Protein backbone atom coordinates (compact mmCIF):
# COMPACT_ATOMS: atom_id res chain seq x y z
CA MET A 1 -0.04 -0.01 0.03
CA ARG A 2 2.83 2.42 0.76
CA ARG A 3 4.64 1.53 -2.47
CA ALA A 4 1.43 2.16 -4.36
CA GLN A 5 1.05 5.57 -2.82
CA TRP A 6 4.68 6.56 -3.28
CA LEU A 7 4.90 5.39 -6.88
CA ALA A 8 1.84 7.54 -7.59
CA LEU A 9 3.81 10.54 -6.08
CA GLY A 10 6.61 9.90 -8.70
CA LEU A 11 8.97 8.12 -6.31
CA SER A 12 10.95 5.13 -7.58
CA ASP A 13 11.74 1.83 -5.87
CA GLU A 14 15.32 3.11 -5.47
CA ASP A 15 14.01 6.13 -3.69
CA MET A 16 12.14 3.98 -1.26
CA GLN A 17 15.44 2.34 -0.07
CA LYS A 18 16.92 5.68 1.08
CA PRO A 19 16.69 7.09 4.57
CA LYS A 20 13.27 8.71 4.83
CA ILE A 21 13.50 12.16 6.46
CA ALA A 22 10.59 14.18 7.82
CA VAL A 23 11.09 17.92 7.07
CA VAL A 24 8.85 19.40 9.84
CA ASN A 25 7.49 22.73 8.83
CA SER A 26 5.13 24.93 10.70
CA SER A 27 4.65 27.34 7.77
CA SER A 28 1.66 29.65 8.04
CA GLU A 29 0.35 32.72 6.40
CA LEU A 30 -1.00 33.91 9.68
CA ALA A 31 2.29 35.20 11.12
CA ILE A 32 5.49 36.78 9.96
CA CYS A 33 7.62 34.37 12.09
CA PHE A 34 6.58 31.49 9.82
CA SER A 35 6.23 33.18 6.52
CA HIS A 36 9.66 32.30 5.30
CA LEU A 37 9.73 28.67 6.22
CA ASP A 38 8.58 27.26 2.89
CA GLY A 39 11.70 28.70 1.25
CA ILE A 40 13.95 27.14 3.94
CA ALA A 41 12.17 23.76 3.57
CA ALA A 42 12.95 23.72 -0.13
CA VAL A 43 16.69 24.27 0.58
CA VAL A 44 16.67 21.61 3.25
CA LYS A 45 14.92 19.07 1.11
CA GLN A 46 17.50 19.58 -1.73
CA ALA A 47 20.26 19.07 0.74
CA VAL A 48 18.73 15.92 2.09
CA ARG A 49 18.33 14.59 -1.50
CA GLU A 50 21.97 15.39 -2.36
CA ALA A 51 23.13 13.59 0.72
CA GLY A 52 21.24 10.42 -0.26
CA GLY A 53 18.11 10.75 1.69
CA LEU A 54 14.41 10.99 0.80
CA PRO A 55 12.68 14.04 2.29
CA PHE A 56 9.01 14.22 3.08
CA GLU A 57 7.82 17.81 4.05
CA ILE A 58 5.08 17.49 6.76
CA ARG A 59 3.09 20.41 8.34
CA THR A 60 2.12 21.11 11.87
CA THR A 61 0.07 23.57 13.81
CA ALA A 62 1.80 27.03 13.70
CA PRO A 63 1.49 28.73 17.14
CA SER A 64 2.48 32.44 17.05
CA ASP A 65 1.97 34.06 20.35
CA PHE A 66 1.06 37.44 19.02
CA ILE A 67 -1.56 35.92 16.68
CA ILE A 68 -3.25 33.13 18.49
CA ASN A 69 -3.46 35.04 21.79
CA SER A 70 -6.61 36.80 20.69
CA GLY A 71 -9.08 34.04 21.21
CA ARG A 72 -9.94 32.41 24.66
CA GLY A 73 -7.90 34.84 26.60
CA GLY A 74 -4.65 33.74 25.00
CA ASN A 75 -4.91 30.29 26.55
CA TYR A 76 -4.09 28.45 23.36
CA ILE A 77 -0.49 29.56 23.52
CA LEU A 78 1.09 26.90 25.84
CA PRO A 79 -1.23 24.01 24.77
CA SER A 80 -0.25 24.61 21.19
CA ARG A 81 3.17 23.37 22.06
CA ASP A 82 1.83 19.97 23.03
CA LEU A 83 -0.47 19.89 20.03
CA LEU A 84 2.53 20.42 17.76
CA THR A 85 4.33 17.52 19.51
CA ASN A 86 1.40 15.28 18.86
CA ASP A 87 1.06 16.53 15.29
CA ILE A 88 4.65 15.28 14.71
CA GLU A 89 4.15 11.98 16.40
CA VAL A 90 1.03 11.13 14.36
CA THR A 91 2.80 11.65 11.00
CA VAL A 92 6.36 10.61 11.72
CA GLU A 93 5.62 7.64 13.93
CA GLY A 94 2.60 6.66 11.99
CA ALA A 95 4.52 6.61 8.69
CA GLN A 96 7.65 5.11 10.44
CA LEU A 97 10.06 7.64 8.99
CA ASP A 98 13.78 7.33 9.81
CA GLY A 99 14.78 10.88 10.96
CA MET A 100 13.57 14.41 11.37
CA ILE A 101 14.82 17.90 10.55
CA CYS A 102 12.68 20.51 12.23
CA LEU A 103 12.39 24.18 11.12
CA ALA A 104 12.31 26.10 14.45
CA SER A 105 10.78 29.55 14.54
CA CYS A 106 8.35 31.12 17.08
CA ASP A 107 8.26 30.44 20.81
CA LYS A 108 6.48 27.07 20.91
CA THR A 109 7.69 25.40 17.78
CA LEU A 110 11.23 24.56 19.10
CA PRO A 111 10.24 23.08 22.46
CA GLY A 112 7.35 21.14 20.72
CA GLN A 113 9.79 19.79 18.20
CA VAL A 114 12.44 18.73 20.66
CA MET A 115 9.73 17.27 22.86
CA ALA A 116 8.66 15.11 19.85
CA ALA A 117 12.36 14.19 19.16
CA ALA A 118 12.74 13.07 22.72
CA ARG A 119 9.47 11.15 22.64
CA LEU A 120 10.09 9.35 19.35
CA ASN A 121 13.82 8.98 19.79
CA ILE A 122 14.63 8.91 16.05
CA PRO A 123 17.64 10.91 14.71
CA THR A 124 16.64 14.61 14.75
CA ILE A 125 18.32 17.89 14.05
CA ILE A 126 16.91 21.44 14.47
CA VAL A 127 17.29 24.27 11.98
CA ILE A 128 17.20 27.67 13.64
CA CYS A 129 15.24 29.82 11.25
CA GLY A 130 16.13 33.26 12.58
CA TYR A 131 15.04 36.46 13.97
CA GLN A 132 13.29 39.46 12.29
CA GLN A 133 14.82 42.81 11.35
CA SER A 134 13.69 45.59 13.58
CA GLY A 135 12.65 49.08 12.34
CA GLU A 136 12.80 52.75 13.34
CA VAL A 137 10.33 55.36 14.34
CA ARG A 138 11.43 59.09 14.29
CA GLY A 139 15.10 58.04 14.26
CA ALA A 140 14.81 55.61 17.22
CA HIS A 141 15.01 51.85 17.38
CA CYS A 142 11.60 50.17 17.27
CA ASP A 143 10.84 46.41 17.62
CA ILE A 144 7.98 44.26 18.60
CA GLU A 145 8.76 44.71 22.41
CA ASP A 146 8.31 48.48 21.92
CA VAL A 147 4.91 47.90 20.37
CA PHE A 148 4.01 45.54 23.22
CA VAL A 149 4.93 48.14 25.78
CA ALA A 150 3.31 50.95 23.84
CA SER A 151 -0.03 49.10 23.47
CA ALA A 152 -0.32 49.08 27.28
CA ALA A 153 0.66 52.69 27.44
CA ALA A 154 -2.01 53.53 24.75
CA ALA A 155 -4.60 51.62 26.77
CA MET A 156 -3.68 53.77 29.73
CA GLY A 157 -4.02 56.94 27.69
CA ARG A 158 -0.24 57.61 27.98
CA ILE A 159 0.35 57.83 24.30
CA SER A 160 -1.91 58.38 21.25
CA GLN A 161 -3.40 55.76 19.06
CA ASP A 162 -1.64 57.43 16.13
CA GLU A 163 1.74 57.00 17.78
CA LEU A 164 0.98 53.38 18.46
CA ARG A 165 -0.10 52.81 14.90
CA GLU A 166 3.18 54.42 13.64
CA MET A 167 5.24 52.07 15.80
CA SER A 168 3.11 49.07 14.70
CA ALA A 169 3.70 49.91 11.06
CA ASN A 170 7.49 50.11 11.39
CA ALA A 171 8.53 47.54 14.06
CA ILE A 172 9.07 44.60 11.85
CA ARG A 173 11.09 44.66 8.60
CA SER A 174 11.58 41.00 7.75
CA PRO A 175 10.29 37.47 8.47
CA GLY A 176 11.46 35.74 11.67
CA VAL A 177 10.86 35.64 15.39
CA CYS A 178 10.82 38.61 17.76
CA SER A 179 14.21 40.29 17.71
CA GLY A 180 14.69 40.66 21.41
CA LEU A 181 15.89 38.03 23.84
CA GLY A 182 12.35 36.80 24.37
CA THR A 183 11.31 33.10 24.52
CA ALA A 184 12.10 32.35 20.89
CA ASN A 185 15.69 33.55 20.84
CA THR A 186 16.18 32.10 24.32
CA MET A 187 15.01 28.67 23.15
CA HIS A 188 17.10 28.89 20.06
CA SER A 189 20.20 29.42 22.22
CA VAL A 190 18.97 26.70 24.48
CA CYS A 191 18.74 24.35 21.59
CA GLU A 192 22.43 24.93 20.85
CA ALA A 193 23.30 24.24 24.42
CA LEU A 194 21.34 21.02 24.39
CA GLY A 195 23.40 19.95 21.38
CA MET A 196 20.36 19.60 19.18
CA CYS A 197 21.49 21.97 16.40
CA LEU A 198 24.74 22.64 14.61
CA PRO A 199 27.30 24.72 16.63
CA GLY A 200 27.11 28.43 15.84
CA ALA A 201 23.46 28.25 14.55
CA ALA A 202 21.88 30.54 17.20
CA PRO A 203 20.82 33.24 17.05
CA VAL A 204 20.80 34.07 13.36
CA ARG A 205 19.28 36.74 11.08
CA ALA A 206 16.29 35.25 9.25
CA ASN A 207 16.84 34.53 5.55
CA SER A 208 20.59 35.48 5.77
CA GLU A 209 23.07 33.44 3.82
CA LYS A 210 24.41 32.17 7.15
CA MET A 211 21.02 30.78 8.03
CA PHE A 212 20.67 29.08 4.59
CA ASP A 213 24.20 27.64 4.99
CA TYR A 214 23.22 26.03 8.28
CA ALA A 215 20.07 24.75 6.74
CA ARG A 216 21.99 23.10 3.88
CA ARG A 217 24.54 21.60 6.33
CA SER A 218 21.76 20.42 8.60
CA GLY A 219 20.08 18.66 5.67
CA ALA A 220 23.23 16.77 4.90
CA ARG A 221 23.94 15.97 8.53
CA ILE A 222 20.55 14.49 9.32
CA VAL A 223 21.20 11.72 6.66
CA GLU A 224 24.50 11.01 8.30
CA MET A 225 22.81 10.86 11.71
CA VAL A 226 20.37 8.24 10.40
CA ASN A 227 23.19 6.21 9.09
CA GLU A 228 25.11 6.54 12.37
CA ASP A 229 21.90 5.80 14.42
CA LEU A 230 22.63 8.98 16.54
CA ARG A 231 19.39 9.42 18.45
CA PRO A 232 18.13 12.25 20.71
CA ARG A 233 18.33 10.35 23.94
CA ALA A 234 22.03 9.95 23.44
CA ILE A 235 22.19 13.75 23.24
CA LEU A 236 19.55 14.77 25.72
CA THR A 237 21.46 13.61 28.86
CA PRO A 238 21.54 15.27 32.30
CA ALA A 239 24.68 16.98 31.24
CA ALA A 240 23.02 18.60 28.27
CA PHE A 241 20.14 19.92 30.39
CA ALA A 242 22.80 21.45 32.88
CA ASN A 243 24.36 23.22 29.85
CA ALA A 244 20.97 24.47 28.77
CA VAL A 245 20.17 25.77 32.26
CA SER A 246 23.55 27.49 32.34
CA MET A 247 22.85 29.21 29.03
CA VAL A 248 19.46 30.61 30.20
CA LEU A 249 21.09 32.07 33.31
CA ALA A 250 24.17 33.46 31.49
CA ILE A 251 22.01 35.30 28.92
CA SER A 252 19.22 36.17 31.39
CA GLY A 253 16.81 34.35 29.14
CA SER A 254 13.06 33.83 29.32
CA ILE A 255 11.58 31.97 32.32
CA ASN A 256 9.48 29.97 29.91
CA ALA A 257 12.56 27.92 29.17
CA ILE A 258 12.11 26.23 32.59
CA LYS A 259 8.87 24.49 31.83
CA HIS A 260 9.93 23.72 28.19
CA LEU A 261 13.13 22.08 29.42
CA GLN A 262 11.25 20.06 32.02
CA ALA A 263 8.73 18.92 29.40
CA ILE A 264 11.58 17.83 27.08
CA ALA A 265 13.24 15.97 29.89
CA ILE A 266 9.95 14.03 30.74
CA GLU A 267 9.34 13.17 27.12
CA GLY A 268 12.82 11.80 26.87
CA GLN A 269 12.51 9.99 30.18
CA VAL A 270 15.51 11.82 31.49
CA ASP A 271 15.85 11.80 35.36
CA VAL A 272 16.50 15.47 35.83
CA ASP A 273 14.73 18.12 37.90
CA ILE A 274 15.03 21.38 35.97
CA TYR A 275 13.73 23.50 38.82
CA LYS A 276 16.39 22.07 41.19
CA LEU A 277 19.05 22.76 38.52
CA PHE A 278 17.97 26.43 38.32
CA ASP A 279 18.35 26.62 42.11
CA GLU A 280 21.68 24.96 42.20
CA ILE A 281 23.31 26.38 38.98
CA GLY A 282 21.89 29.71 39.57
CA ARG A 283 24.21 30.30 42.39
CA GLN A 284 27.26 29.74 40.11
CA ILE A 285 26.33 31.28 36.70
CA PRO A 286 26.74 35.12 36.35
CA VAL A 287 24.96 37.20 33.79
CA LEU A 288 27.27 37.70 30.81
CA CYS A 289 25.06 39.48 28.40
CA ALA A 290 22.67 42.53 28.39
CA ILE A 291 20.64 41.98 25.28
CA ARG A 292 17.32 43.76 24.80
CA PRO A 293 15.01 43.74 26.70
CA ASN A 294 17.55 43.11 29.54
CA GLY A 295 19.97 45.84 28.33
CA ASP A 296 20.87 48.00 25.42
CA HIS A 297 22.59 45.51 23.10
CA PRO A 298 20.49 44.44 20.13
CA ILE A 299 20.23 40.75 19.16
CA GLU A 300 22.32 41.44 16.13
CA ALA A 301 25.25 42.30 18.32
CA PHE A 302 24.77 39.09 20.23
CA GLU A 303 24.96 37.09 17.06
CA ASP A 304 27.93 39.05 15.74
CA ALA A 305 29.83 38.52 18.99
CA GLY A 306 29.50 34.78 18.61
CA GLY A 307 26.06 33.97 20.04
CA ALA A 308 25.26 30.88 22.00
CA ARG A 309 28.48 29.19 21.05
CA ALA A 310 30.56 32.05 22.38
CA VAL A 311 28.59 32.13 25.67
CA MET A 312 29.36 28.45 26.11
CA LYS A 313 33.06 29.14 25.43
CA ARG A 314 32.94 31.74 28.23
CA LEU A 315 31.22 29.19 30.54
CA GLU A 316 33.43 26.28 29.45
CA PRO A 317 35.16 25.89 32.87
CA LEU A 318 31.74 25.52 34.51
CA LEU A 319 30.07 23.15 32.12
CA PRO A 320 29.99 19.31 31.65
CA THR A 321 31.57 19.57 28.21
CA TRP A 322 31.60 15.88 27.68
CA ALA A 323 27.93 16.09 26.59
CA LEU A 324 27.42 14.63 23.09
CA THR A 325 25.87 16.82 20.25
CA VAL A 326 24.22 16.25 16.84
CA THR A 327 27.70 16.63 15.29
CA GLY A 328 28.70 13.26 16.82
CA ARG A 329 31.29 15.18 18.82
CA THR A 330 31.28 16.54 22.41
CA LEU A 331 30.60 20.02 23.35
CA ALA A 332 34.37 20.29 24.26
CA GLU A 333 35.34 19.30 20.85
CA ASN A 334 32.84 21.75 19.25
CA LEU A 335 34.22 24.65 21.33
CA ALA A 336 37.89 24.12 20.40
CA GLY A 337 39.23 27.22 18.83
CA VAL A 338 36.05 29.28 19.40
CA THR A 339 36.70 32.96 20.29
CA VAL A 340 34.44 35.76 21.42
CA ALA A 341 34.27 38.70 18.92
CA ASP A 342 33.04 41.33 21.36
CA PRO A 343 34.03 41.04 25.07
CA GLU A 344 31.49 43.85 25.97
CA VAL A 345 28.49 42.07 24.44
CA ILE A 346 29.51 38.64 25.94
CA ARG A 347 31.65 39.35 28.90
CA PRO A 348 34.22 37.02 30.52
CA LEU A 349 33.43 35.20 33.76
CA ASP A 350 35.60 37.66 35.80
CA ASN A 351 33.77 40.73 34.49
CA PRO A 352 30.06 39.82 34.36
CA TYR A 353 27.10 42.19 34.14
CA SER A 354 25.88 40.71 37.32
CA ARG A 355 26.98 38.02 39.77
CA GLU A 356 23.52 37.50 41.05
CA PRO A 357 21.37 34.78 39.40
CA ALA A 358 19.24 36.04 36.57
CA ILE A 359 16.30 33.85 37.58
CA VAL A 360 15.28 33.05 41.13
CA LEU A 361 12.80 30.43 42.42
CA LEU A 362 10.73 31.44 45.48
CA ARG A 363 8.91 29.20 47.86
CA GLY A 364 6.74 29.94 50.99
CA SER A 365 3.19 29.85 52.29
CA LEU A 366 1.72 31.50 49.10
CA ALA A 367 3.75 29.23 46.79
CA PRO A 368 4.54 25.91 48.53
CA GLY A 369 5.48 24.50 45.18
CA CYS A 370 7.34 27.39 43.51
CA GLY A 371 7.13 30.86 42.07
CA VAL A 372 9.59 32.22 39.41
CA VAL A 373 11.15 35.64 39.31
CA LYS A 374 13.08 37.01 36.34
CA ILE A 375 15.56 39.41 37.93
CA GLY A 376 17.75 40.16 34.93
CA LEU A 377 20.14 42.89 35.91
CA ARG A 378 19.65 44.32 39.39
CA GLY A 379 21.07 47.68 38.43
CA GLU A 380 17.73 48.65 37.12
CA GLY A 381 16.54 49.59 40.63
CA ARG A 382 14.14 46.68 41.10
CA PRO A 383 13.12 45.86 44.72
CA THR A 384 14.48 42.77 46.23
CA GLN A 385 11.96 42.83 49.10
CA PHE A 386 8.34 43.79 49.00
CA ARG A 387 5.40 43.68 51.53
CA GLY A 388 1.92 44.94 50.83
CA PRO A 389 -1.76 44.22 50.58
CA ALA A 390 -3.16 41.95 47.94
CA LYS A 391 -5.55 43.30 45.15
CA VAL A 392 -6.97 40.11 43.62
CA PHE A 393 -8.21 39.78 40.09
CA GLU A 394 -9.26 36.81 38.00
CA ASP A 395 -9.44 38.54 34.60
CA ARG A 396 -7.17 40.99 32.79
CA GLY A 397 -9.75 43.61 31.92
CA PRO A 398 -10.75 44.58 35.51
CA ALA A 399 -7.08 44.60 36.41
CA LEU A 400 -6.25 47.01 33.70
CA GLU A 401 -9.17 49.23 34.61
CA ALA A 402 -8.01 49.31 38.20
CA ILE A 403 -4.55 50.47 37.08
CA ARG A 404 -5.97 53.04 34.70
CA THR A 405 -8.27 54.57 37.41
CA GLY A 406 -5.77 54.62 40.16
CA ARG A 407 -7.24 51.87 42.35
CA ILE A 408 -3.85 50.02 42.20
CA GLN A 409 -1.52 52.27 44.19
CA ALA A 410 2.21 52.13 45.26
CA GLY A 411 2.77 49.40 47.85
CA ASP A 412 0.02 47.08 46.54
CA VAL A 413 0.57 43.47 45.36
CA LEU A 414 -1.47 42.92 42.23
CA VAL A 415 -2.61 39.28 42.19
CA LEU A 416 -3.69 37.86 38.80
CA ARG A 417 -4.96 34.31 39.28
CA GLY A 418 -6.89 31.83 37.15
CA ASP A 419 -4.28 31.80 34.38
CA GLY A 420 -2.63 28.46 35.08
CA VAL A 421 -2.41 25.10 33.43
CA LYS A 422 -5.75 23.88 34.94
CA SER A 423 -7.53 27.15 35.79
CA GLY A 424 -7.00 28.90 32.39
CA PRO A 425 -6.84 26.31 31.17
CA GLY A 426 -3.47 26.52 29.38
CA MET A 427 -1.56 29.44 30.86
CA GLY A 428 -2.47 32.66 29.22
CA GLY A 429 -0.51 35.86 29.56
CA ALA A 430 -2.91 38.15 31.36
CA ALA A 431 -0.13 39.52 33.57
CA ASN A 432 1.96 40.73 30.63
CA MET A 433 -0.34 43.60 29.84
CA ALA A 434 -0.77 44.40 33.55
CA VAL A 435 3.00 44.68 33.93
CA PHE A 436 3.34 47.02 31.00
CA ALA A 437 0.31 48.99 32.16
CA LEU A 438 1.99 49.52 35.57
CA ASP A 439 5.10 50.66 33.75
CA GLY A 440 3.04 53.06 31.72
CA VAL A 441 1.72 54.79 34.84
CA GLY A 442 5.10 54.74 36.64
CA LEU A 443 4.23 52.03 39.09
CA ALA A 444 6.41 49.14 37.73
CA LEU A 445 8.88 49.41 40.59
CA LYS A 446 6.21 50.30 43.22
CA VAL A 447 3.77 47.50 42.75
CA ALA A 448 4.59 43.71 42.85
CA VAL A 449 2.71 41.35 40.58
CA VAL A 450 1.91 37.74 41.51
CA THR A 451 0.34 35.40 38.98
CA ASP A 452 -0.08 31.74 38.17
CA GLY A 453 0.13 32.61 34.49
CA GLN A 454 3.21 32.69 32.30
CA MET A 455 5.20 35.74 31.36
CA SER A 456 6.36 36.65 27.93
CA GLY A 457 10.07 36.65 27.57
CA LEU A 458 9.82 40.31 26.55
CA ALA A 459 8.01 41.32 29.76
CA ASN A 460 10.84 42.13 32.04
CA LYS A 461 9.68 44.98 34.16
CA GLY A 462 9.48 45.41 37.96
CA LEU A 463 9.03 42.64 40.52
CA VAL A 464 6.85 39.87 39.08
CA VAL A 465 6.45 36.44 40.62
CA ALA A 466 4.98 34.20 37.97
CA GLU A 467 3.92 30.62 37.47
CA ILE A 468 2.90 30.22 41.12
CA GLU A 469 2.46 26.65 42.21
CA PRO A 470 -0.04 25.39 43.25
CA GLU A 471 -2.00 27.53 40.79
CA ALA A 472 -5.51 28.74 41.53
CA GLY A 473 -6.96 25.77 39.54
CA VAL A 474 -6.10 23.30 42.26
CA PRO A 475 -6.50 23.56 46.13
CA GLY A 476 -3.89 25.85 47.58
CA PRO A 477 -3.17 29.30 48.97
CA LEU A 478 -3.48 31.22 45.63
CA ALA A 479 -7.08 29.94 45.22
CA VAL A 480 -8.04 31.49 48.54
CA ILE A 481 -6.06 34.71 48.77
CA ARG A 482 -8.38 37.76 49.47
CA ASP A 483 -8.18 41.46 48.94
CA GLY A 484 -6.22 42.95 51.78
CA ASP A 485 -4.26 39.88 52.73
CA ILE A 486 -0.60 40.86 53.24
CA VAL A 487 1.93 39.30 50.85
CA SER A 488 5.70 39.44 51.53
CA ILE A 489 8.44 38.76 49.06
CA ASP A 490 12.14 38.41 49.80
CA LEU A 491 14.46 37.56 46.92
CA ALA A 492 17.46 37.12 49.17
CA LEU A 493 15.65 34.50 51.30
CA ARG A 494 13.86 33.16 48.25
CA ARG A 495 10.56 33.48 49.98
CA ILE A 496 6.99 34.44 49.07
CA ASP A 497 4.54 34.26 51.98
CA LEU A 498 0.92 34.96 52.70
CA GLU A 499 0.60 36.48 56.12
CA VAL A 500 -2.48 34.56 57.07
CA PRO A 501 -2.53 32.28 60.17
CA ALA A 502 -1.92 28.76 59.20
CA ALA A 503 -5.21 27.50 60.68
CA GLU A 504 -7.19 30.05 58.90
CA LEU A 505 -5.44 29.38 55.55
CA THR A 506 -6.11 25.63 55.97
CA ALA A 507 -9.72 26.28 56.65
CA ARG A 508 -9.98 28.53 53.56
CA ILE A 509 -8.56 25.86 51.31
CA GLN A 510 -10.86 23.19 52.71
CA GLN A 511 -13.86 25.38 52.17
CA THR A 512 -13.16 27.00 48.79
CA PRO A 513 -13.26 25.17 45.42
CA PRO A 514 -10.36 25.87 43.08
CA LEU A 515 -10.93 28.31 40.27
CA GLN A 516 -11.58 26.74 36.83
CA LYS A 517 -12.97 28.78 33.96
CA PRO A 518 -15.32 27.21 31.37
CA ASP A 519 -13.44 25.45 28.64
CA GLY A 520 -16.00 23.87 26.33
CA ARG A 521 -15.45 20.71 24.41
CA GLY A 522 -12.43 21.53 22.31
CA TRP A 523 -8.60 21.24 22.60
CA LEU A 524 -8.46 23.32 25.82
CA SER A 525 -10.78 20.93 27.62
CA ILE A 526 -8.57 17.94 26.52
CA TYR A 527 -5.47 19.89 27.67
CA ARG A 528 -7.09 20.59 31.08
CA ARG A 529 -7.92 16.94 31.59
CA THR A 530 -4.50 15.59 30.57
CA ALA A 531 -1.87 18.28 31.38
CA LEU A 532 0.53 17.78 34.21
CA SER A 533 1.56 20.43 36.69
CA LEU A 534 4.36 22.98 35.97
CA ASP A 535 6.98 21.00 37.94
CA GLN A 536 6.40 18.33 35.20
CA GLY A 537 6.68 20.85 32.35
CA ALA A 538 2.89 21.16 31.90
CA SER A 539 3.36 18.33 29.46
CA LEU A 540 0.64 15.77 28.79
CA ALA A 541 0.22 12.85 31.24
CA PRO A 542 1.35 9.47 29.92
CA ALA A 543 -1.30 6.79 29.51
CA PRO A 544 -1.96 4.80 32.72
CA ALA A 545 -0.50 1.35 32.92
CA PRO A 546 -2.89 -1.35 31.75
CA VAL A 547 -4.77 -3.27 34.47
CA LYS A 548 -3.96 -6.88 34.38
CA THR A 549 -6.99 -9.10 34.68
CA VAL A 550 -6.70 -12.64 35.95
CA LEU A 551 -9.15 -14.96 34.39
């Protein structure tokens, strides 16, 4: 049956004996981050053919955060990662293809692709498809982060709609992912630290000759990997995950990398606790870069200085460099002879931008599981301690209105709940606009934000404790916090506490059902029923073991 199908497609019997390679493409006309992938796929397929392989281009869902965040409160964003993983499994496993080459672009495609690679454990290599060119407005740099911030400022009446429209019309000048060090460029760098793409591939200007060169070389390499039987689980070892965590900390990357790395580890059945790694490694890894939005250097400067590979060269004394990579060589071998082109953009270990950890995990009576804080560079005047009364919201709209009308004041703790894996369901980004709105009215450093939702990699303002566990969708303190309850945060002690007597807090939890918003009958309802908690990457639960019946 397969031969009949493939002969009808114009393939020969000789073709059918070649390594069969899935070219995984999330091309879409909905979003600029995917609009160039068809051209890259053509180059990759030609390289696979020339190397003796048989490419089959397959399509997956194409989740772009700035596009699919419009419906259902933005809650499709995280679940789309797992939908993409399952898209790949159905086609690649179903057709029993021999290897995969995945075209990585926006925030969720790369983690979803590497999760699929870890699950299926067939030879896989990732092609980093690059970041977009930013624009200018009135002689000043303007990128998508600036539009993100300005949209909240416009909602607060701080800038005109005409100014916002001008920024929106000029922020993006080419295909590719957001140009700042948000989740996409963080995960591209993480991919290189994991060893799942060719060395030197991240970050890269979209549609540049360098990007196409890496695409061609990756197309040739995947055929070699199939012939060598080099599989992802030989690469995705505890050492690789330690390298990835070190990368996130050194570049002050997006906190979304934490749950993505944990999900990849679970799919690959790797016995590693990513949250524990961030706690432990965070005390050793300094911040070596100050890339927008963390600092003033553009992503282009980071690439030109050597990118992820140069960061690992700086970190080399601290890394388990015996980790294997898709090249078939170790990280140590890949780093031999590497130099850093600009010591100011990627600083040496003895002259970092900060010796404090870029990401801190907090625990306490408000977050017995965990809460995540992106500190970045502490020179920005961010508070390291905060204590104030809670103002609790379960929807973005009323929270933004409270900020606009002055009902949120300096000293308050803005609590946005009901945006977690179960309560959303699916982790929306309601807190992002609230953070930018606070910045727009001059309160970013005077109001703390606490949420069980996720934060965009571009939202790096003030003191925000995100991804609180347990979330409000399961019994726990966040589900029962009330207006006026005192919240205390101490980054030095790594604590976040709800100053309510323990007996009263226990009684509240016993008497109050967890918060869960309606989710209908579609994909979000499936995700709610099957998704695991954040400490397990918010990935989908494995099937239960079959019950043995004795007859």
